[in-house]
N, C-alpha and C. Protein backbone atom coordinates (compact mmCIF):
# COMPACT_ATOMS: atom_id res chain seq x y z
N MET A 1 -33.24 -4.74 -57.53
CA MET A 1 -34.01 -5.94 -57.25
C MET A 1 -33.31 -7.15 -57.85
N VAL A 2 -33.34 -8.20 -57.12
CA VAL A 2 -32.74 -9.46 -57.55
C VAL A 2 -33.70 -10.57 -57.18
N SER A 3 -33.87 -11.53 -58.10
CA SER A 3 -34.71 -12.67 -57.77
C SER A 3 -34.08 -13.43 -56.61
N GLU A 4 -34.90 -13.88 -55.67
CA GLU A 4 -34.38 -14.56 -54.49
C GLU A 4 -33.74 -15.89 -54.83
N LYS A 5 -34.33 -16.61 -55.77
CA LYS A 5 -33.85 -17.96 -56.07
C LYS A 5 -32.52 -17.94 -56.83
N ALA A 6 -32.48 -17.24 -57.93
CA ALA A 6 -31.30 -17.32 -58.80
C ALA A 6 -30.33 -16.17 -58.60
N GLN A 7 -30.70 -15.17 -57.84
CA GLN A 7 -29.86 -14.00 -57.66
C GLN A 7 -29.52 -13.36 -59.02
N THR A 8 -30.49 -13.37 -59.93
CA THR A 8 -30.30 -12.78 -61.25
C THR A 8 -30.80 -11.35 -61.22
N PRO A 9 -29.93 -10.39 -61.53
CA PRO A 9 -30.39 -9.00 -61.55
C PRO A 9 -31.50 -8.80 -62.57
N LEU A 10 -32.46 -7.94 -62.23
CA LEU A 10 -33.59 -7.68 -63.13
C LEU A 10 -33.17 -6.99 -64.41
N LEU A 11 -31.97 -6.50 -64.47
CA LEU A 11 -31.51 -5.86 -65.69
C LEU A 11 -31.16 -6.87 -66.77
N ASN A 12 -30.91 -8.10 -66.38
CA ASN A 12 -30.60 -9.14 -67.36
C ASN A 12 -31.84 -9.53 -68.14
N GLN A 13 -31.69 -9.69 -69.46
CA GLN A 13 -32.84 -10.04 -70.29
C GLN A 13 -33.39 -11.42 -69.98
N ASP A 14 -32.56 -12.32 -69.46
CA ASP A 14 -33.03 -13.66 -69.17
C ASP A 14 -33.60 -13.81 -67.76
N CYS A 15 -33.80 -12.70 -67.09
CA CYS A 15 -34.42 -12.71 -65.76
C CYS A 15 -35.87 -13.17 -65.90
N ALA A 16 -36.27 -14.13 -65.07
CA ALA A 16 -37.63 -14.69 -65.15
C ALA A 16 -38.71 -13.63 -64.96
N LEU A 17 -38.50 -12.69 -64.06
CA LEU A 17 -39.51 -11.65 -63.82
C LEU A 17 -39.69 -10.78 -65.06
N ARG A 18 -38.60 -10.42 -65.71
CA ARG A 18 -38.70 -9.64 -66.95
C ARG A 18 -39.43 -10.43 -68.03
N GLN A 19 -39.20 -11.74 -68.06
CA GLN A 19 -39.88 -12.58 -69.05
C GLN A 19 -41.39 -12.59 -68.80
N VAL A 20 -41.78 -12.72 -67.54
CA VAL A 20 -43.21 -12.71 -67.21
C VAL A 20 -43.84 -11.37 -67.60
N ILE A 21 -43.16 -10.28 -67.25
CA ILE A 21 -43.69 -8.96 -67.58
C ILE A 21 -43.82 -8.79 -69.08
N SER A 22 -42.88 -9.33 -69.85
CA SER A 22 -42.99 -9.21 -71.30
C SER A 22 -44.18 -10.00 -71.85
N ILE A 23 -44.57 -11.06 -71.14
CA ILE A 23 -45.71 -11.87 -71.57
C ILE A 23 -47.05 -11.23 -71.20
N ILE A 24 -47.15 -10.68 -70.00
CA ILE A 24 -48.45 -10.18 -69.51
C ILE A 24 -48.55 -8.67 -69.47
N GLY A 25 -47.48 -7.96 -69.83
CA GLY A 25 -47.43 -6.52 -69.58
C GLY A 25 -48.09 -5.61 -70.59
N ASP A 26 -48.77 -6.13 -71.58
CA ASP A 26 -49.43 -5.23 -72.53
C ASP A 26 -50.83 -4.87 -72.05
N LYS A 27 -51.51 -4.07 -72.80
CA LYS A 27 -52.81 -3.53 -72.38
C LYS A 27 -53.93 -4.58 -72.28
N TRP A 28 -53.92 -5.59 -73.14
CA TRP A 28 -55.09 -6.47 -73.25
C TRP A 28 -54.90 -7.86 -72.66
N THR A 29 -53.71 -8.28 -72.37
CA THR A 29 -53.50 -9.65 -71.89
C THR A 29 -54.20 -9.92 -70.57
N LEU A 30 -54.03 -9.05 -69.59
CA LEU A 30 -54.66 -9.30 -68.29
C LEU A 30 -56.19 -9.32 -68.36
N PRO A 31 -56.83 -8.40 -69.09
CA PRO A 31 -58.29 -8.53 -69.22
C PRO A 31 -58.73 -9.84 -69.87
N VAL A 32 -58.01 -10.28 -70.89
CA VAL A 32 -58.35 -11.56 -71.54
C VAL A 32 -58.19 -12.70 -70.55
N LEU A 33 -57.07 -12.72 -69.83
CA LEU A 33 -56.86 -13.78 -68.85
C LEU A 33 -57.93 -13.76 -67.77
N TYR A 34 -58.30 -12.56 -67.32
CA TYR A 34 -59.33 -12.44 -66.28
C TYR A 34 -60.64 -13.07 -66.75
N VAL A 35 -61.06 -12.75 -67.95
CA VAL A 35 -62.32 -13.30 -68.46
C VAL A 35 -62.22 -14.82 -68.58
N LEU A 36 -61.07 -15.32 -68.99
CA LEU A 36 -60.91 -16.77 -69.14
C LEU A 36 -60.82 -17.50 -67.80
N THR A 37 -60.55 -16.79 -66.71
CA THR A 37 -60.59 -17.45 -65.40
C THR A 37 -62.02 -17.85 -65.05
N GLN A 38 -62.99 -17.26 -65.72
CA GLN A 38 -64.40 -17.57 -65.47
C GLN A 38 -64.86 -18.79 -66.25
N GLY A 39 -63.97 -19.37 -67.05
CA GLY A 39 -64.31 -20.58 -67.80
C GLY A 39 -64.12 -20.40 -69.29
N THR A 40 -64.44 -21.45 -70.03
CA THR A 40 -64.31 -21.46 -71.48
C THR A 40 -65.22 -20.41 -72.09
N LYS A 41 -64.67 -19.67 -73.06
CA LYS A 41 -65.43 -18.60 -73.72
C LYS A 41 -65.26 -18.69 -75.23
N ARG A 42 -66.31 -18.27 -75.92
CA ARG A 42 -66.23 -18.11 -77.37
C ARG A 42 -65.68 -16.71 -77.66
N TYR A 43 -65.21 -16.52 -78.87
CA TYR A 43 -64.61 -15.24 -79.26
C TYR A 43 -65.55 -14.08 -78.98
N SER A 44 -66.80 -14.22 -79.40
CA SER A 44 -67.76 -13.12 -79.22
C SER A 44 -68.03 -12.83 -77.75
N GLU A 45 -67.98 -13.85 -76.90
CA GLU A 45 -68.16 -13.64 -75.46
C GLU A 45 -66.99 -12.85 -74.89
N LEU A 46 -65.78 -13.17 -75.35
CA LEU A 46 -64.61 -12.42 -74.91
C LEU A 46 -64.71 -10.96 -75.33
N GLN A 47 -65.11 -10.75 -76.57
CA GLN A 47 -65.19 -9.38 -77.08
C GLN A 47 -66.23 -8.56 -76.31
N ARG A 48 -67.36 -9.16 -76.01
CA ARG A 48 -68.40 -8.45 -75.24
C ARG A 48 -67.96 -8.18 -73.81
N ALA A 49 -67.17 -9.07 -73.25
CA ALA A 49 -66.77 -8.96 -71.85
C ALA A 49 -65.65 -7.96 -71.61
N ILE A 50 -64.94 -7.56 -72.67
CA ILE A 50 -63.79 -6.67 -72.52
C ILE A 50 -64.07 -5.36 -73.26
N PRO A 51 -64.55 -4.35 -72.53
CA PRO A 51 -64.89 -3.08 -73.17
C PRO A 51 -63.67 -2.44 -73.84
N GLY A 52 -63.87 -1.97 -75.05
CA GLY A 52 -62.84 -1.22 -75.74
C GLY A 52 -61.85 -2.03 -76.57
N ILE A 53 -61.89 -3.35 -76.47
CA ILE A 53 -60.93 -4.15 -77.24
C ILE A 53 -61.45 -4.31 -78.67
N SER A 54 -60.58 -4.06 -79.64
CA SER A 54 -60.97 -4.23 -81.04
C SER A 54 -60.83 -5.70 -81.43
N LYS A 55 -61.46 -6.07 -82.53
CA LYS A 55 -61.35 -7.44 -83.02
C LYS A 55 -59.90 -7.77 -83.32
N LYS A 56 -59.18 -6.81 -83.90
CA LYS A 56 -57.77 -7.02 -84.24
C LYS A 56 -56.94 -7.30 -83.00
N MET A 57 -57.12 -6.50 -81.95
CA MET A 57 -56.32 -6.67 -80.74
C MET A 57 -56.70 -7.94 -79.99
N LEU A 58 -57.98 -8.30 -79.98
CA LEU A 58 -58.39 -9.54 -79.34
C LEU A 58 -57.79 -10.74 -80.07
N THR A 59 -57.84 -10.70 -81.39
CA THR A 59 -57.27 -11.80 -82.18
C THR A 59 -55.77 -11.91 -81.95
N GLN A 60 -55.06 -10.79 -81.98
CA GLN A 60 -53.61 -10.81 -81.77
C GLN A 60 -53.26 -11.33 -80.37
N THR A 61 -54.01 -10.87 -79.37
CA THR A 61 -53.75 -11.27 -77.99
C THR A 61 -54.00 -12.76 -77.82
N LEU A 62 -55.11 -13.25 -78.34
CA LEU A 62 -55.42 -14.68 -78.23
C LEU A 62 -54.39 -15.53 -78.96
N ARG A 63 -53.96 -15.10 -80.15
CA ARG A 63 -52.95 -15.87 -80.90
C ARG A 63 -51.63 -15.93 -80.14
N ARG A 64 -51.24 -14.81 -79.55
CA ARG A 64 -49.99 -14.77 -78.80
C ARG A 64 -50.07 -15.67 -77.57
N LEU A 65 -51.19 -15.58 -76.84
CA LEU A 65 -51.37 -16.41 -75.64
C LEU A 65 -51.44 -17.89 -76.01
N GLU A 66 -52.02 -18.19 -77.16
CA GLU A 66 -52.07 -19.57 -77.61
C GLU A 66 -50.66 -20.06 -77.97
N SER A 67 -49.89 -19.24 -78.65
CA SER A 67 -48.52 -19.66 -79.01
C SER A 67 -47.63 -19.77 -77.78
N ASP A 68 -47.97 -19.07 -76.69
CA ASP A 68 -47.22 -19.15 -75.44
C ASP A 68 -47.71 -20.27 -74.53
N ASN A 69 -48.68 -21.06 -75.00
CA ASN A 69 -49.25 -22.18 -74.24
C ASN A 69 -49.95 -21.71 -72.95
N ILE A 70 -50.55 -20.54 -73.02
CA ILE A 70 -51.31 -20.01 -71.88
C ILE A 70 -52.80 -20.19 -72.13
N VAL A 71 -53.19 -20.11 -73.40
CA VAL A 71 -54.59 -20.27 -73.80
C VAL A 71 -54.66 -21.40 -74.82
N GLN A 72 -55.72 -22.19 -74.69
CA GLN A 72 -55.98 -23.26 -75.66
C GLN A 72 -57.16 -22.86 -76.52
N ARG A 73 -57.04 -23.05 -77.82
CA ARG A 73 -58.10 -22.74 -78.78
C ARG A 73 -58.63 -24.06 -79.32
N THR A 74 -59.95 -24.22 -79.26
CA THR A 74 -60.57 -25.42 -79.79
C THR A 74 -61.54 -25.02 -80.89
N VAL A 75 -61.35 -25.57 -82.08
CA VAL A 75 -62.21 -25.28 -83.22
C VAL A 75 -63.06 -26.52 -83.48
N TYR A 76 -64.37 -26.30 -83.54
CA TYR A 76 -65.31 -27.40 -83.81
C TYR A 76 -65.71 -27.38 -85.28
N PRO A 77 -65.71 -28.53 -85.94
CA PRO A 77 -66.04 -28.59 -87.38
C PRO A 77 -67.55 -28.56 -87.62
N VAL A 78 -68.14 -27.42 -87.32
CA VAL A 78 -69.58 -27.24 -87.52
C VAL A 78 -69.80 -25.98 -88.34
N VAL A 79 -71.01 -25.84 -88.85
CA VAL A 79 -71.39 -24.64 -89.59
C VAL A 79 -72.54 -23.98 -88.84
N PRO A 80 -72.42 -22.71 -88.46
CA PRO A 80 -71.23 -21.85 -88.60
C PRO A 80 -70.12 -22.32 -87.68
N PRO A 81 -68.88 -21.89 -87.99
CA PRO A 81 -67.73 -22.33 -87.20
C PRO A 81 -67.88 -21.95 -85.73
N LYS A 82 -67.42 -22.82 -84.88
CA LYS A 82 -67.47 -22.58 -83.43
C LYS A 82 -66.05 -22.73 -82.89
N THR A 83 -65.57 -21.68 -82.23
CA THR A 83 -64.24 -21.68 -81.64
C THR A 83 -64.35 -21.28 -80.18
N GLU A 84 -63.69 -22.04 -79.32
CA GLU A 84 -63.70 -21.75 -77.88
C GLU A 84 -62.27 -21.58 -77.38
N TYR A 85 -62.16 -20.78 -76.33
CA TYR A 85 -60.86 -20.51 -75.71
C TYR A 85 -60.95 -20.81 -74.22
N ASN A 86 -59.89 -21.40 -73.69
CA ASN A 86 -59.80 -21.62 -72.25
C ASN A 86 -58.33 -21.60 -71.84
N LEU A 87 -58.10 -21.49 -70.54
CA LEU A 87 -56.75 -21.49 -70.02
C LEU A 87 -56.17 -22.90 -70.04
N THR A 88 -54.90 -23.02 -70.35
CA THR A 88 -54.20 -24.29 -70.26
C THR A 88 -53.80 -24.51 -68.80
N VAL A 89 -53.21 -25.64 -68.51
CA VAL A 89 -52.69 -25.90 -67.16
C VAL A 89 -51.67 -24.82 -66.79
N PHE A 90 -50.77 -24.51 -67.74
CA PHE A 90 -49.78 -23.47 -67.51
C PHE A 90 -50.46 -22.11 -67.30
N GLY A 91 -51.50 -21.83 -68.07
CA GLY A 91 -52.24 -20.58 -67.91
C GLY A 91 -52.87 -20.47 -66.54
N ASN A 92 -53.43 -21.56 -66.06
CA ASN A 92 -54.02 -21.56 -64.71
C ASN A 92 -52.96 -21.34 -63.64
N LYS A 93 -51.75 -21.88 -63.86
CA LYS A 93 -50.66 -21.64 -62.91
C LYS A 93 -50.24 -20.17 -62.91
N LEU A 94 -50.32 -19.53 -64.06
CA LEU A 94 -50.00 -18.10 -64.16
C LEU A 94 -51.01 -17.25 -63.40
N ILE A 95 -52.25 -17.71 -63.32
CA ILE A 95 -53.31 -16.94 -62.65
C ILE A 95 -53.03 -16.82 -61.15
N GLU A 96 -52.42 -17.82 -60.56
CA GLU A 96 -52.18 -17.81 -59.10
C GLU A 96 -51.41 -16.56 -58.65
N PRO A 97 -50.23 -16.25 -59.19
CA PRO A 97 -49.55 -15.03 -58.76
C PRO A 97 -50.27 -13.75 -59.19
N LEU A 98 -50.97 -13.82 -60.31
CA LEU A 98 -51.73 -12.64 -60.74
C LEU A 98 -52.86 -12.34 -59.77
N GLN A 99 -53.44 -13.38 -59.17
CA GLN A 99 -54.49 -13.19 -58.17
C GLN A 99 -53.93 -12.49 -56.94
N VAL A 100 -52.72 -12.85 -56.54
CA VAL A 100 -52.06 -12.18 -55.41
C VAL A 100 -51.87 -10.70 -55.73
N LEU A 101 -51.42 -10.41 -56.95
CA LEU A 101 -51.25 -9.02 -57.37
C LEU A 101 -52.59 -8.29 -57.40
N ALA A 102 -53.64 -8.94 -57.87
CA ALA A 102 -54.97 -8.33 -57.89
C ALA A 102 -55.46 -8.03 -56.49
N ASN A 103 -55.22 -8.93 -55.56
CA ASN A 103 -55.61 -8.70 -54.16
C ASN A 103 -54.85 -7.51 -53.58
N TRP A 104 -53.55 -7.42 -53.88
CA TRP A 104 -52.76 -6.29 -53.43
C TRP A 104 -53.29 -4.98 -54.01
N ALA A 105 -53.61 -5.00 -55.31
CA ALA A 105 -54.13 -3.81 -55.97
C ALA A 105 -55.45 -3.36 -55.34
N GLU A 106 -56.30 -4.30 -55.02
CA GLU A 106 -57.58 -3.97 -54.39
C GLU A 106 -57.35 -3.34 -53.02
N ALA A 107 -56.40 -3.87 -52.27
CA ALA A 107 -56.11 -3.33 -50.94
C ALA A 107 -55.49 -1.94 -51.00
N HIS A 108 -54.89 -1.60 -52.14
CA HIS A 108 -54.22 -0.30 -52.30
C HIS A 108 -54.88 0.55 -53.38
N GLN A 109 -56.17 0.35 -53.57
CA GLN A 109 -56.88 1.00 -54.66
C GLN A 109 -56.83 2.52 -54.58
N SER A 110 -56.96 3.09 -53.39
CA SER A 110 -56.97 4.55 -53.29
C SER A 110 -55.61 5.13 -53.69
N GLU A 111 -54.51 4.50 -53.27
CA GLU A 111 -53.19 4.99 -53.66
C GLU A 111 -52.97 4.83 -55.16
N LEU A 112 -53.40 3.72 -55.70
CA LEU A 112 -53.25 3.48 -57.13
C LEU A 112 -54.07 4.48 -57.94
N GLN A 113 -55.27 4.81 -57.46
CA GLN A 113 -56.11 5.78 -58.16
C GLN A 113 -55.45 7.15 -58.19
N LEU A 114 -54.83 7.55 -57.09
CA LEU A 114 -54.11 8.83 -57.05
C LEU A 114 -52.98 8.85 -58.08
N ILE A 115 -52.25 7.75 -58.17
CA ILE A 115 -51.15 7.66 -59.15
C ILE A 115 -51.69 7.77 -60.57
N CYS A 116 -52.76 7.03 -60.86
CA CYS A 116 -53.35 7.07 -62.21
C CYS A 116 -53.90 8.45 -62.53
N ASP A 117 -54.57 9.08 -61.58
CA ASP A 117 -55.09 10.43 -61.79
C ASP A 117 -53.95 11.41 -62.09
N ARG A 118 -52.86 11.30 -61.31
CA ARG A 118 -51.72 12.19 -61.52
C ARG A 118 -51.11 11.96 -62.90
N ARG A 119 -50.95 10.71 -63.29
CA ARG A 119 -50.38 10.41 -64.60
C ARG A 119 -51.27 10.92 -65.73
N ASN A 120 -52.57 10.74 -65.58
CA ASN A 120 -53.50 11.24 -66.60
C ASN A 120 -53.44 12.75 -66.69
N GLN A 121 -53.31 13.40 -65.55
CA GLN A 121 -53.20 14.86 -65.52
C GLN A 121 -51.89 15.30 -66.18
N ASP A 122 -50.80 14.58 -65.90
CA ASP A 122 -49.51 14.90 -66.52
C ASP A 122 -49.58 14.76 -68.04
N VAL A 123 -50.24 13.71 -68.53
CA VAL A 123 -50.39 13.50 -69.96
C VAL A 123 -51.21 14.63 -70.57
N SER A 124 -52.29 15.01 -69.91
CA SER A 124 -53.14 16.11 -70.41
C SER A 124 -52.37 17.41 -70.45
N SER A 125 -51.57 17.67 -69.42
CA SER A 125 -50.76 18.89 -69.37
C SER A 125 -49.75 18.91 -70.49
N ASN A 126 -49.12 17.78 -70.75
CA ASN A 126 -48.12 17.71 -71.83
C ASN A 126 -48.77 17.91 -73.19
N LYS A 127 -49.97 17.38 -73.40
CA LYS A 127 -50.67 17.58 -74.68
C LYS A 127 -51.00 19.05 -74.87
N SER A 128 -51.42 19.72 -73.80
CA SER A 128 -51.74 21.15 -73.89
C SER A 128 -50.51 21.96 -74.24
N LEU A 129 -49.37 21.63 -73.63
CA LEU A 129 -48.12 22.35 -73.89
C LEU A 129 -47.65 22.12 -75.32
N ASN A 130 -47.83 20.92 -75.82
CA ASN A 130 -47.37 20.59 -77.17
C ASN A 130 -48.24 21.22 -78.25
N SER A 131 -49.50 21.52 -77.93
CA SER A 131 -50.39 22.09 -78.93
C SER A 131 -50.29 23.60 -79.01
N GLU A 132 -49.54 24.21 -78.12
CA GLU A 132 -49.39 25.68 -78.13
C GLU A 132 -48.37 26.12 -79.13
């Protein structure tokens, strides 16, 4: 695969596609971004909206997205402290191609489910073999 614009092979570390994947490719970034597409959220709202995310992982993900200029954090000088998160202009631009990917995933949900089921089965089989 080669990017159409720059003809940069995907094996190069400075390839734009590899850079995007390194930014959004972890377990929690996409769920956080998805929730923030619905508007400004407080920390507790984000945590309630994303099943299974720990406080530590939510904090790390938000800090990383903030340092990448994808999420903006606003702290209000009130007691108790109030902090809100929302997408920056750059973050909203990132959502556009992610929406295309989400639409593709929805259209291919049955194929994707088969792949996930097979991978989960492979992992379970490997755990069984390793425990013998």
